[in-house]
Each structure stands twice: as C-alpha cells, then as structure tokens.
Amino acid sequence: MSPRDKNNKPLKDSTTDFFLKVVEKEKEKNTKEIVNKDNINEKKVKAFDTGARFYNYMNQILDKILSSKVSIMILSFMMAAVLFYSVSGRDIMTSPTSGATLEDVPVHVENLDESLEASGIPESVSVVLVGPSLDIYRTNFSNDYQVYLDLQDLHAGEYVLNLQTRNFPESLEVVSIPSSIKVTLAKKVSQTFDLGYRFINEDQLDSKYSVSVESMDLDSVELRASEATLSRVETVEACIDVANQTEDFEQNAQIKAYDSDGNELNVEISPENVHVNCQVSSYSKTVPVHVNFIGDLPTGYQVSNYILSQSEVAIFGLEEDLADITQVDVDVDISDLKSSTTFNDVSLKKVNGINKFSQDKVNVTVEVEKVITKKIDNIPIKVLNNSHNYKISFAGLGQYASVSVAGAEDKINALNVDNIQATIDIDGLDVGTHQVNVKIAGDDETLTMKLLSSSKVTINIERN
C-alpha cells in the first residue's frame, strides 16, 4: 500500500517525480524546436515570395522607363551626373569655391559705325571664373555666355576699351584676359583692284585633268577698307572650286583679297562674286626645272653647284598653250649666303598657258664655296680661223696673255696654263697689220676669269 500524507493523500515517489519532470522538459524542448523550425521555414517562404514580387515590380518599372524617351533621357542624365561626380573627385560637392579658365572665347563687336574699320580687336580671349564649383560647371555646360565690345557713338581715333561679359551667373567673379584692349577706328575708303583668280580644292581634282579660265565677267572690283588695310592688299582673286571637275564648267566664284603672305584680308568687296567659264583639259608634257639665282653673294663667295629635288615636272594645259614652253623656272634668293643651304618648298613660277604642275614646289640645295683668286701668266694666244695658212706674228710680247681666275679654293689650286685658252680670230682679215681682240675661256664654267693683259694685240699677217 502506498504511503499517505496527514491528509490521507498518497505521497509521490521522489524518483518517479524526477523522471516525470525530465520527460516533460524533453517534450517541451522538442515542441519548441518543431515550432522554431516551422517559423524559420515560414519566414524563408515569405522572404522568397517578397523578393520575387520585388523583382517583378522592378522589371515592370524598367519596362516602363525603357519604353519612354523622356524617362531614358532622365536616367541618362542621372547616370552622367553620378559619373561626373565620381570622376571629378567630388569637387562640386566638397569645394564651395573654386576657379576655372575658359579658353578661346569669341569677342563680339557691337554697334560699330559702318563707315569705320576697327583694328586691334582679338578674335578670342581667355576668361577666368572664380566662385561656386557648381555654378562654374553649369556655365561650362550651358555655353551661352558672351564677351563683347561695345563701340556705340565712337568716331575715328584710338581708344583703350574694356571688354564686357554677359550671361554669366551673378555668383561668379568673371575676368577676361586681356580685360582692356587698344582699338583703332579708321575711316573706310574705296579703291579699285585688278581681279585675278586662283583654283581651290585642287587636291580633289583628278591628277590627269587641268583647268583653265576661258572668261570672267569682271576684270576689276572695288575694295572698301581703311587706307592701312588697302595698302596691304597684294592680290584680289576669284576662288574657283575645281573639286571633281571632269569637263568644262561655269560657276559663281567668291572674290577674296590677300596680302603678300597669302593671308585673307577682312575688306568689303563689291561685288562679292564673279561668274567664270572654265575649260577642263587632260593634256600634259614634261619639262626641265631651271634655277634663277636672285641677289648677290658676299664678296669672296660663289655658288659652286646646286641640286634640285625634282629636275623635271609635268605641266598641264591646252596643247597649243604649252607648245612653246620648254622649261619652268624657280627663283632662289642667295643674298648674304656664306655656306651651303637647302631651300625647302620653293614655288615654281607659273606662266600663261600652264594650268597646273605635277608638283608645284621643289627643294633647292645651293652649294656655296669661299672664293680665292689666282694670277696665271704666259698663256699662249692661239689663232683661230687661219683658213689661208697665213704666217702670224705678234708685236712685242703680245703672243702671251695674263688672267686672274676666281673660284673655289680646291679648283683654283688645281688650275694651270693648260686649263685656260686665250684666242684671237682672224676670220676675214687679209695680209697686213691688224689689231684684234683677245678672248679667254676655261674648262670650268664655275670659275670667273678676267683678262689682265691687253684686250687687244697687234699682229702682222703675211703670206707663207
């Protein structure tokens, strides 16, 4: 019989009770683990479901964005802004004040009297900006700013004027460099100039063709500018475009004025265009290049030789116009030359009838040597044209000549009596006493010879 307490209730066995508690705890633990696993699985399912819905949602948004041009532009701008921010080192956000320079900003001229010409105004200037980085960036991006010069109510004369700016943010300090310039305003005058022509875009004309001008409706035009500008005008030419021409053509060619260096001048031209008729030809022939030396070498120097990069060129034009042209010339200025020199890209001289060259520039190497002088005596005088076999006798020592020869040192040192001929010509002379001229010549045309003895000798002609 089980033991009882004072109330006559059965007493539990302590060992049994302990085991019952252990069993209950295990049950609770297992139950909690099952519940936790269920909760984790449920959270995973919910998370996956949420992620899938978000993915589908983003796909729908991207589809809408990519289907709209406006949305694409906004997205592109945002990406460009992020990229600029990352590349610029975050200066826009982190630097409240910075500086920048705008290069080659055009200068606009305003309110210039039409009767005046303005000079001294630069085509462009640099502009320095100081201020908030974001405003500087915005200025660069907008590009609607201006630098201008206001010439309102100014007359002929010289002025020092400040350049002005507009359309810059008020937050920026703006300084043009230079900030002020010296401007000259001069009265315009008119002058008439002869009208020539030039071909443009010749590199786009097939090499087998050449163009000649048959007629132009004008032979002179009127230019209007200041006297100083007009004095710089070297040529006034109609610019005839020959690109891709293969047969006779006509066109309205623009007229331009050029200075001696070939730079276009800013002048008013009336009229601005001229009607031209042109003929296209494919005839050509090859001729040698001849060098003309201009100017004088310093005393004691001479040209010993020259070398051309191109000794012959093809000339193009009408066959009848080229018939009498046997060479083309190139001018080389040797003034003050004391050593061998190469002149690059020297222009060939174009004459009437030549429409173009196969190559219009050549290189000319001029070899210059120091000149020395040598006297050579006792040069026998030879008699020429003694067809009757007369007996010739000279008065005194007249049968010998003396000369001075100037030239390159190495050539002069190698020179002797045998290299020089002194002669008299008795053609047409009869028996008797005569005075005849003495002529001298040498083997080397680069040497300069001067007769030192008498230029006339007395001879006696007798029959044998």
Protein backbone atom coordinates (compact mmCIF):
# COMPACT_ATOMS: atom_id res chain seq x y z
CA MET A 1 0.00 0.00 0.00
CA SER A 2 1.30 3.42 -0.99
CA PRO A 3 2.34 5.80 1.76
CA ARG A 4 -0.07 8.68 2.55
CA ASP A 5 0.30 12.13 4.00
CA LYS A 6 -1.50 13.53 7.04
CA ASN A 7 -4.49 14.29 4.93
CA ASN A 8 -4.56 10.75 3.85
CA LYS A 9 -3.37 11.63 0.28
CA PRO A 10 -0.94 9.32 -1.39
CA LEU A 11 2.68 10.55 -1.43
CA LYS A 12 4.55 10.60 -4.78
CA ASP A 13 7.78 8.78 -5.07
CA SER A 14 10.60 11.34 -5.44
CA THR A 15 12.44 9.26 -8.09
CA THR A 16 9.34 8.88 -10.17
CA ASP A 17 8.62 12.56 -9.89
CA PHE A 18 12.11 13.44 -11.11
CA PHE A 19 11.78 11.28 -14.19
CA LEU A 20 8.35 12.72 -14.96
CA LYS A 21 9.82 16.23 -14.92
CA VAL A 22 12.65 15.24 -17.20
CA VAL A 23 10.22 13.72 -19.68
CA GLU A 24 8.05 16.83 -19.60
CA LYS A 25 11.06 19.09 -20.30
CA GLU A 26 12.13 16.95 -23.23
CA LYS A 27 8.64 17.18 -24.64
CA GLU A 28 8.63 20.94 -24.24
CA LYS A 29 12.07 21.21 -25.86
CA ASN A 30 11.03 19.08 -28.84
CA THR A 31 7.86 21.05 -29.19
CA LYS A 32 9.81 24.35 -29.24
CA GLU A 33 12.27 23.04 -31.81
CA ILE A 34 9.43 21.94 -34.06
CA VAL A 35 7.74 25.32 -33.66
CA ASN A 36 11.04 27.17 -34.37
CA LYS A 37 11.68 25.11 -37.48
CA ASP A 38 8.19 25.80 -38.68
CA ASN A 39 8.68 29.53 -38.02
CA ILE A 40 12.03 29.60 -39.91
CA ASN A 41 10.60 27.76 -42.89
CA GLU A 42 7.63 30.11 -42.93
CA LYS A 43 9.99 33.17 -42.85
CA LYS A 44 12.08 31.77 -45.72
CA VAL A 45 8.98 31.26 -47.80
CA LYS A 46 7.77 34.78 -47.02
CA ALA A 47 11.21 36.28 -47.82
CA PHE A 48 11.45 34.44 -51.11
CA ASP A 49 7.92 35.47 -52.02
CA THR A 50 8.70 39.12 -51.14
CA GLY A 51 11.90 39.03 -53.22
CA ALA A 52 10.10 37.59 -56.22
CA ARG A 53 7.38 40.24 -56.01
CA PHE A 54 10.04 43.00 -55.75
CA TYR A 55 11.93 41.57 -58.73
CA ASN A 56 8.75 41.52 -60.80
CA TYR A 57 7.95 45.06 -59.68
CA MET A 58 11.40 46.35 -60.71
CA ASN A 59 11.10 44.63 -64.07
CA GLN A 60 7.78 46.37 -64.65
CA ILE A 61 9.30 49.76 -63.73
CA LEU A 62 12.31 49.22 -66.03
CA ASP A 63 9.99 48.19 -68.84
CA LYS A 64 8.05 51.43 -68.40
CA ILE A 65 11.27 53.52 -68.26
CA LEU A 66 12.78 51.92 -71.36
CA SER A 67 9.55 52.39 -73.29
CA SER A 68 9.65 56.20 -72.75
CA LYS A 69 12.23 58.51 -74.42
CA VAL A 70 11.81 61.10 -71.69
CA SER A 71 12.49 58.51 -68.98
CA ILE A 72 15.60 57.32 -70.82
CA MET A 73 16.90 60.92 -71.05
CA ILE A 74 16.32 61.48 -67.32
CA LEU A 75 18.04 58.20 -66.46
CA SER A 76 20.98 59.05 -68.73
CA PHE A 77 21.36 62.47 -67.13
CA MET A 78 21.31 60.94 -63.65
CA MET A 79 23.96 58.39 -64.63
CA ALA A 80 26.10 61.15 -66.22
CA ALA A 81 25.80 63.22 -63.06
CA VAL A 82 26.90 60.27 -60.91
CA LEU A 83 29.80 59.58 -63.28
CA PHE A 84 30.88 63.23 -63.28
CA TYR A 85 30.65 63.31 -59.51
CA SER A 86 32.89 60.26 -59.18
CA VAL A 87 35.43 61.41 -61.81
CA SER A 88 35.68 65.00 -60.61
CA GLY A 89 36.76 63.91 -57.17
CA ARG A 90 33.57 65.26 -55.64
CA ASP A 91 34.90 68.83 -56.04
CA ILE A 92 31.45 70.12 -56.83
CA MET A 93 30.06 68.97 -53.52
CA THR A 94 33.12 69.42 -51.33
CA SER A 95 34.54 72.72 -52.73
CA PRO A 96 32.27 75.69 -52.10
CA THR A 97 34.59 77.99 -54.10
CA SER A 98 36.99 77.19 -56.96
CA GLY A 99 38.41 78.65 -60.18
CA ALA A 100 38.46 77.78 -63.87
CA THR A 101 39.62 79.29 -67.18
CA LEU A 102 37.62 79.33 -70.39
CA GLU A 103 39.89 79.37 -73.45
CA ASP A 104 39.22 80.84 -76.91
CA VAL A 105 36.03 82.72 -76.03
CA PRO A 106 34.98 84.73 -79.15
CA VAL A 107 34.85 88.52 -78.89
CA HIS A 108 31.65 90.01 -80.34
CA VAL A 109 31.84 93.56 -81.73
CA GLU A 110 28.67 95.62 -81.35
CA ASN A 111 27.46 99.00 -82.63
CA LEU A 112 30.40 99.65 -84.99
CA ASP A 113 29.72 102.52 -87.39
CA GLU A 114 29.59 101.06 -90.93
CA SER A 115 31.86 103.84 -92.20
CA LEU A 116 34.64 102.81 -89.80
CA GLU A 117 37.08 99.91 -89.69
CA ALA A 118 38.12 98.58 -86.28
CA SER A 119 41.56 97.08 -85.75
CA GLY A 120 43.34 95.74 -82.69
CA ILE A 121 40.40 93.60 -81.56
CA PRO A 122 41.37 89.98 -80.83
CA GLU A 123 39.22 87.23 -82.28
CA SER A 124 39.07 85.49 -78.90
CA VAL A 125 40.20 85.85 -75.29
CA SER A 126 40.53 83.74 -72.14
CA VAL A 127 38.04 84.17 -69.30
CA VAL A 128 38.84 83.40 -65.65
CA LEU A 129 35.97 82.32 -63.39
CA VAL A 130 36.04 82.30 -59.58
CA GLY A 131 33.10 81.16 -57.48
CA PRO A 132 30.96 78.15 -56.55
CA SER A 133 32.06 74.99 -58.34
CA LEU A 134 28.51 74.07 -59.27
CA ASP A 135 27.97 77.44 -61.00
CA ILE A 136 31.28 77.09 -62.87
CA TYR A 137 30.26 73.65 -64.07
CA ARG A 138 26.83 74.93 -65.06
CA THR A 139 28.46 77.78 -67.05
CA ASN A 140 30.66 75.35 -68.95
CA PHE A 141 27.68 73.16 -69.66
CA SER A 142 25.32 75.91 -70.83
CA ASN A 143 27.86 77.74 -73.05
CA ASP A 144 25.51 80.73 -73.56
CA TYR A 145 27.88 83.36 -72.15
CA GLN A 146 29.48 86.16 -74.22
CA VAL A 147 32.44 88.53 -74.25
CA TYR A 148 31.69 91.68 -76.24
CA LEU A 149 32.99 95.14 -77.11
CA ASP A 150 30.52 98.00 -77.44
CA LEU A 151 31.63 100.70 -79.92
CA GLN A 152 28.49 102.81 -79.61
CA ASP A 153 28.95 106.50 -80.58
CA LEU A 154 32.72 106.19 -81.18
CA HIS A 155 34.40 108.09 -84.02
CA ALA A 156 37.71 107.66 -85.86
CA GLY A 157 40.63 107.55 -83.45
CA GLU A 158 42.42 105.37 -80.92
CA TYR A 159 40.73 104.13 -77.75
CA VAL A 160 41.53 101.91 -74.78
CA LEU A 161 38.31 99.99 -74.12
CA ASN A 162 37.20 97.42 -71.57
CA LEU A 163 35.84 94.10 -72.74
CA GLN A 164 32.45 93.29 -71.23
CA THR A 165 30.76 90.00 -70.41
CA ARG A 166 27.16 88.80 -70.19
CA ASN A 167 25.11 85.72 -69.29
CA PHE A 168 27.44 84.58 -66.50
CA PRO A 169 25.93 83.63 -63.09
CA GLU A 170 25.95 86.53 -60.63
CA SER A 171 27.69 84.31 -58.10
CA LEU A 172 30.82 84.15 -60.27
CA GLU A 173 33.62 86.67 -60.48
CA VAL A 174 34.40 86.97 -64.21
CA VAL A 175 37.64 88.44 -65.61
CA SER A 176 38.62 88.43 -69.30
CA ILE A 177 42.29 88.27 -70.24
CA PRO A 178 43.09 90.81 -71.51
CA SER A 179 40.47 92.89 -69.77
CA SER A 180 41.12 96.01 -71.86
CA ILE A 181 42.44 96.48 -75.40
CA LYS A 182 43.69 99.29 -77.61
CA VAL A 183 41.32 99.77 -80.54
CA THR A 184 41.92 101.89 -83.62
CA LEU A 185 38.92 103.14 -85.60
CA ALA A 186 39.74 104.39 -89.11
CA LYS A 187 37.60 105.80 -91.89
CA LYS A 188 36.96 103.42 -94.76
CA VAL A 189 37.94 104.43 -98.30
CA SER A 190 37.32 102.74 -101.65
CA GLN A 191 39.87 101.60 -104.22
CA THR A 192 39.67 99.60 -107.45
CA PHE A 193 41.87 96.50 -107.90
CA ASP A 194 42.50 94.20 -110.84
CA LEU A 195 40.79 90.84 -110.47
CA GLY A 196 42.73 87.61 -110.86
CA TYR A 197 41.80 84.05 -109.93
CA ARG A 198 43.00 81.02 -108.04
CA PHE A 199 41.87 77.41 -108.01
CA ILE A 200 40.74 75.87 -104.73
CA ASN A 201 40.29 72.19 -103.78
CA GLU A 202 42.85 71.14 -106.40
CA ASP A 203 43.58 68.07 -104.26
CA GLN A 204 40.08 66.89 -105.19
CA LEU A 205 40.72 67.23 -108.94
CA ASP A 206 41.83 64.05 -110.73
CA SER A 207 45.57 64.36 -111.42
CA LYS A 208 45.10 63.77 -115.16
CA TYR A 209 42.95 66.92 -115.53
CA SER A 210 43.81 70.62 -115.52
CA VAL A 211 41.55 73.66 -115.55
CA SER A 212 41.94 76.90 -117.48
CA VAL A 213 39.78 80.02 -117.23
CA GLU A 214 38.12 80.92 -120.52
CA SER A 215 36.37 84.05 -119.30
CA MET A 216 35.38 86.08 -116.23
CA ASP A 217 32.56 88.60 -116.24
CA LEU A 218 34.74 91.15 -114.38
CA ASP A 219 38.35 92.24 -114.65
CA SER A 220 38.34 94.60 -111.65
CA VAL A 221 36.47 95.08 -108.37
CA GLU A 222 36.12 97.75 -105.72
CA LEU A 223 37.51 97.20 -102.22
CA ARG A 224 36.47 99.25 -99.20
CA ALA A 225 38.54 99.38 -96.01
CA SER A 226 40.92 101.68 -94.19
CA GLU A 227 43.90 103.03 -96.12
CA ALA A 228 46.23 100.97 -93.94
CA THR A 229 44.38 97.75 -94.81
CA LEU A 230 44.14 98.53 -98.52
CA SER A 231 47.89 99.16 -98.64
CA ARG A 232 48.41 95.52 -97.59
CA VAL A 233 46.37 94.11 -100.47
CA GLU A 234 48.63 92.13 -102.77
CA THR A 235 46.08 90.29 -104.90
CA VAL A 236 42.32 90.15 -105.37
CA GLU A 237 41.24 86.79 -106.72
CA ALA A 238 38.16 84.81 -107.65
CA CYS A 239 38.31 81.46 -105.83
CA ILE A 240 37.29 78.85 -108.41
CA ASP A 241 36.31 75.47 -106.95
CA VAL A 242 37.69 72.71 -109.20
CA ALA A 243 36.75 69.75 -106.98
CA ASN A 244 35.77 66.66 -109.02
CA GLN A 245 35.55 68.58 -112.31
CA THR A 246 35.96 66.39 -115.42
CA GLU A 247 34.50 68.59 -118.16
CA ASP A 248 34.02 72.27 -118.99
CA PHE A 249 32.02 74.15 -116.34
CA GLU A 250 30.87 77.56 -115.14
CA GLN A 251 30.23 78.87 -111.64
CA ASN A 252 29.87 81.97 -109.48
CA ALA A 253 33.21 82.24 -107.70
CA GLN A 254 33.66 84.11 -104.42
CA ILE A 255 36.14 87.01 -104.53
CA LYS A 256 38.74 87.42 -101.77
CA ALA A 257 41.64 89.79 -101.07
CA TYR A 258 45.06 88.53 -99.90
CA ASP A 259 48.24 90.07 -98.52
CA SER A 260 51.78 89.24 -99.68
CA ASP A 261 51.89 86.18 -97.40
CA GLY A 262 48.67 84.77 -98.84
CA ASN A 263 46.57 85.63 -95.78
CA GLU A 264 42.97 86.65 -96.42
CA LEU A 265 42.19 90.26 -95.52
CA ASN A 266 38.96 91.45 -93.95
CA VAL A 267 37.73 94.00 -96.50
CA GLU A 268 34.43 94.85 -98.18
CA ILE A 269 34.40 93.66 -101.79
CA SER A 270 31.91 94.82 -104.40
CA PRO A 271 30.71 92.65 -105.99
CA GLU A 272 31.41 89.64 -103.78
CA ASN A 273 31.16 87.04 -106.60
CA VAL A 274 32.01 86.79 -110.28
CA HIS A 275 30.73 84.43 -112.98
CA VAL A 276 33.51 82.37 -114.61
CA ASN A 277 33.66 79.92 -117.51
CA CYS A 278 36.33 77.24 -117.29
CA GLN A 279 37.73 74.61 -119.63
CA VAL A 280 38.96 71.19 -118.44
CA SER A 281 41.88 69.57 -120.26
CA SER A 282 43.91 66.39 -119.84
CA TYR A 283 46.99 67.35 -121.97
CA SER A 284 50.42 67.48 -120.29
CA LYS A 285 54.14 67.36 -121.07
CA THR A 286 57.37 67.12 -119.08
CA VAL A 287 59.90 69.98 -118.98
CA PRO A 288 63.12 70.64 -117.01
CA VAL A 289 63.30 72.92 -113.96
CA HIS A 290 65.72 75.85 -114.25
CA VAL A 291 67.08 77.78 -111.24
CA ASN A 292 67.33 81.57 -111.31
CA PHE A 293 69.58 82.98 -108.58
CA ILE A 294 68.41 86.31 -107.18
CA GLY A 295 70.59 88.65 -105.18
CA ASP A 296 74.36 88.70 -104.69
CA LEU A 297 76.62 86.58 -102.55
CA PRO A 298 79.00 88.35 -100.17
CA THR A 299 82.40 89.24 -101.59
CA GLY A 300 84.67 86.24 -101.59
CA TYR A 301 81.94 83.60 -102.08
CA GLN A 302 80.39 81.91 -105.09
CA VAL A 303 77.84 79.23 -105.98
CA SER A 304 79.77 76.11 -106.91
CA ASN A 305 76.76 73.87 -107.59
CA TYR A 306 73.06 73.38 -106.94
CA ILE A 307 70.90 70.28 -106.59
CA LEU A 308 67.16 70.06 -107.27
CA SER A 309 64.87 67.59 -105.51
CA GLN A 310 62.96 67.40 -108.80
CA SER A 311 64.81 68.19 -112.02
CA GLU A 312 61.70 67.76 -114.22
CA VAL A 313 57.99 68.34 -113.77
CA ALA A 314 54.87 67.72 -115.80
CA ILE A 315 52.92 70.80 -116.85
CA PHE A 316 49.22 70.72 -117.71
CA GLY A 317 47.17 72.89 -120.03
CA LEU A 318 45.94 73.18 -123.59
CA GLU A 319 48.34 71.67 -126.11
CA GLU A 320 48.61 74.87 -128.15
CA ASP A 321 49.35 76.91 -124.99
CA LEU A 322 52.17 74.61 -123.89
CA ALA A 323 53.82 74.22 -127.29
CA ASP A 324 56.44 76.96 -126.77
CA ILE A 325 57.16 76.27 -123.09
CA THR A 326 60.50 74.42 -122.83
CA GLN A 327 61.29 74.86 -119.13
CA VAL A 328 59.87 76.15 -115.87
CA ASP A 329 61.78 78.48 -113.58
CA VAL A 330 62.27 78.66 -109.85
CA ASP A 331 63.74 81.77 -108.16
CA VAL A 332 66.18 81.30 -105.27
CA ASP A 333 67.37 84.31 -103.26
CA ILE A 334 71.05 83.80 -102.36
CA SER A 335 71.60 87.24 -100.83
CA ASP A 336 74.16 87.14 -97.98
CA LEU A 337 74.62 83.36 -98.29
CA LYS A 338 78.00 82.19 -96.94
CA SER A 339 77.51 78.44 -96.66
CA SER A 340 75.72 75.61 -98.43
CA THR A 341 71.96 75.83 -97.75
CA THR A 342 68.82 73.91 -98.69
CA PHE A 343 65.74 75.95 -99.58
CA ASN A 344 62.60 73.87 -98.99
CA ASP A 345 59.27 74.16 -100.80
CA VAL A 346 60.27 76.82 -103.32
CA SER A 347 57.35 77.54 -105.67
CA LEU A 348 57.71 77.05 -109.41
CA LYS A 349 56.84 80.12 -111.47
CA LYS A 350 53.58 79.65 -113.35
CA VAL A 351 53.40 81.35 -116.73
CA ASN A 352 50.46 81.86 -119.08
CA GLY A 353 49.29 78.58 -120.52
CA ILE A 354 50.26 76.41 -117.56
CA ASN A 355 47.18 75.42 -115.60
CA LYS A 356 48.97 73.29 -113.02
CA PHE A 357 52.15 71.36 -112.26
CA SER A 358 52.52 67.73 -111.30
CA GLN A 359 54.48 69.18 -108.38
CA ASP A 360 54.42 72.91 -107.77
CA LYS A 361 57.22 73.13 -105.18
CA VAL A 362 60.80 71.84 -105.14
CA ASN A 363 63.72 71.80 -102.75
CA VAL A 364 66.91 73.51 -103.93
CA THR A 365 70.27 72.82 -102.29
CA VAL A 366 72.77 75.60 -103.09
CA GLU A 367 76.43 74.77 -102.55
CA VAL A 368 78.47 77.85 -101.66
CA GLU A 369 82.26 77.95 -101.53
CA LYS A 370 84.79 80.53 -100.45
CA VAL A 371 86.41 82.18 -103.44
CA ILE A 372 90.15 82.78 -103.91
CA THR A 373 91.90 84.50 -106.82
CA LYS A 374 94.97 83.30 -108.73
CA LYS A 375 97.00 85.03 -111.42
CA ILE A 376 98.17 82.92 -114.35
CA ASP A 377 100.74 84.33 -116.78
CA ASN A 378 102.29 83.27 -120.08
CA ILE A 379 99.15 81.79 -121.59
CA PRO A 380 99.85 81.29 -125.30
CA ILE A 381 97.40 83.07 -127.58
CA LYS A 382 96.06 80.75 -130.25
CA VAL A 383 94.99 81.91 -133.70
CA LEU A 384 91.56 80.82 -134.92
CA ASN A 385 90.19 80.59 -138.45
CA ASN A 386 93.55 80.85 -140.25
CA SER A 387 92.00 79.21 -143.28
CA HIS A 388 94.66 80.62 -145.68
CA ASN A 389 97.52 79.36 -143.54
CA TYR A 390 98.95 82.82 -143.15
CA LYS A 391 102.10 83.50 -141.18
CA ILE A 392 101.05 85.33 -138.00
CA SER A 393 103.47 87.36 -135.90
CA PHE A 394 102.75 89.34 -132.74
CA ALA A 395 104.19 92.75 -131.91
CA GLY A 396 106.34 92.67 -128.81
CA LEU A 397 105.28 90.06 -126.24
CA GLY A 398 101.71 90.12 -127.45
CA GLN A 399 101.62 86.36 -128.08
CA TYR A 400 101.07 85.71 -124.37
CA ALA A 401 98.13 86.62 -122.09
CA SER A 402 97.75 87.01 -118.34
CA VAL A 403 94.49 86.34 -116.48
CA SER A 404 93.17 86.30 -112.94
CA VAL A 405 90.88 83.44 -112.05
CA ALA A 406 88.47 83.44 -109.08
CA GLY A 407 86.74 80.37 -107.76
CA ALA A 408 86.63 77.63 -105.16
CA GLU A 409 89.93 77.12 -103.44
CA ASP A 410 90.35 73.46 -104.40
CA LYS A 411 89.60 74.21 -108.07
CA ILE A 412 91.90 77.22 -108.22
CA ASN A 413 94.79 75.30 -106.66
CA ALA A 414 94.45 72.62 -109.33
CA LEU A 415 94.38 75.18 -112.16
CA ASN A 416 97.27 75.64 -114.64
CA VAL A 417 98.01 77.17 -118.04
CA ASP A 418 96.58 74.18 -119.88
CA ASN A 419 93.11 74.79 -118.41
CA ILE A 420 92.76 78.27 -119.95
CA GLN A 421 92.55 79.24 -123.62
CA ALA A 422 93.45 82.67 -124.96
CA THR A 423 92.48 83.19 -128.61
CA ILE A 424 92.27 85.68 -131.45
CA ASP A 425 90.05 85.29 -134.52
CA ILE A 426 91.48 86.37 -137.91
CA ASP A 427 88.47 85.30 -139.96
CA GLY A 428 88.04 87.83 -142.81
CA LEU A 429 91.43 89.54 -142.25
CA ASP A 430 93.86 89.95 -145.13
CA VAL A 431 97.60 90.40 -145.31
CA GLY A 432 98.83 93.34 -143.26
CA THR A 433 98.94 94.69 -139.75
CA HIS A 434 95.84 94.45 -137.61
CA GLN A 435 94.63 94.95 -134.04
CA VAL A 436 92.44 92.06 -132.87
CA ASN A 437 90.54 91.29 -129.69
CA VAL A 438 91.79 88.67 -127.27
CA LYS A 439 89.23 86.27 -125.80
CA ILE A 440 89.71 83.89 -122.89
CA ALA A 441 87.82 80.76 -121.83
CA GLY A 442 88.24 77.98 -119.30
CA ASP A 443 87.36 74.35 -118.76
CA ASP A 444 85.20 75.09 -115.70
CA GLU A 445 82.25 77.44 -116.13
CA THR A 446 82.03 77.97 -112.37
CA LEU A 447 85.32 79.88 -112.42
CA THR A 448 85.38 83.62 -113.06
CA MET A 449 88.22 84.86 -115.29
CA LYS A 450 89.43 88.35 -116.01
CA LEU A 451 91.99 89.31 -118.65
CA LEU A 452 94.87 91.24 -117.05
CA SER A 453 96.96 91.78 -120.16
CA SER A 454 95.81 93.98 -123.03
CA SER A 455 92.44 93.12 -124.51
CA LYS A 456 93.80 93.92 -128.00
CA VAL A 457 97.02 92.76 -129.60
CA THR A 458 98.77 93.90 -132.76
CA ILE A 459 99.53 91.20 -135.32
CA ASN A 460 101.11 91.09 -138.70
CA ILE A 461 99.70 88.77 -141.33
CA GLU A 462 101.98 87.54 -144.11
CA ARG A 463 101.69 85.01 -146.83
CA ASN A 464 103.83 81.92 -146.45
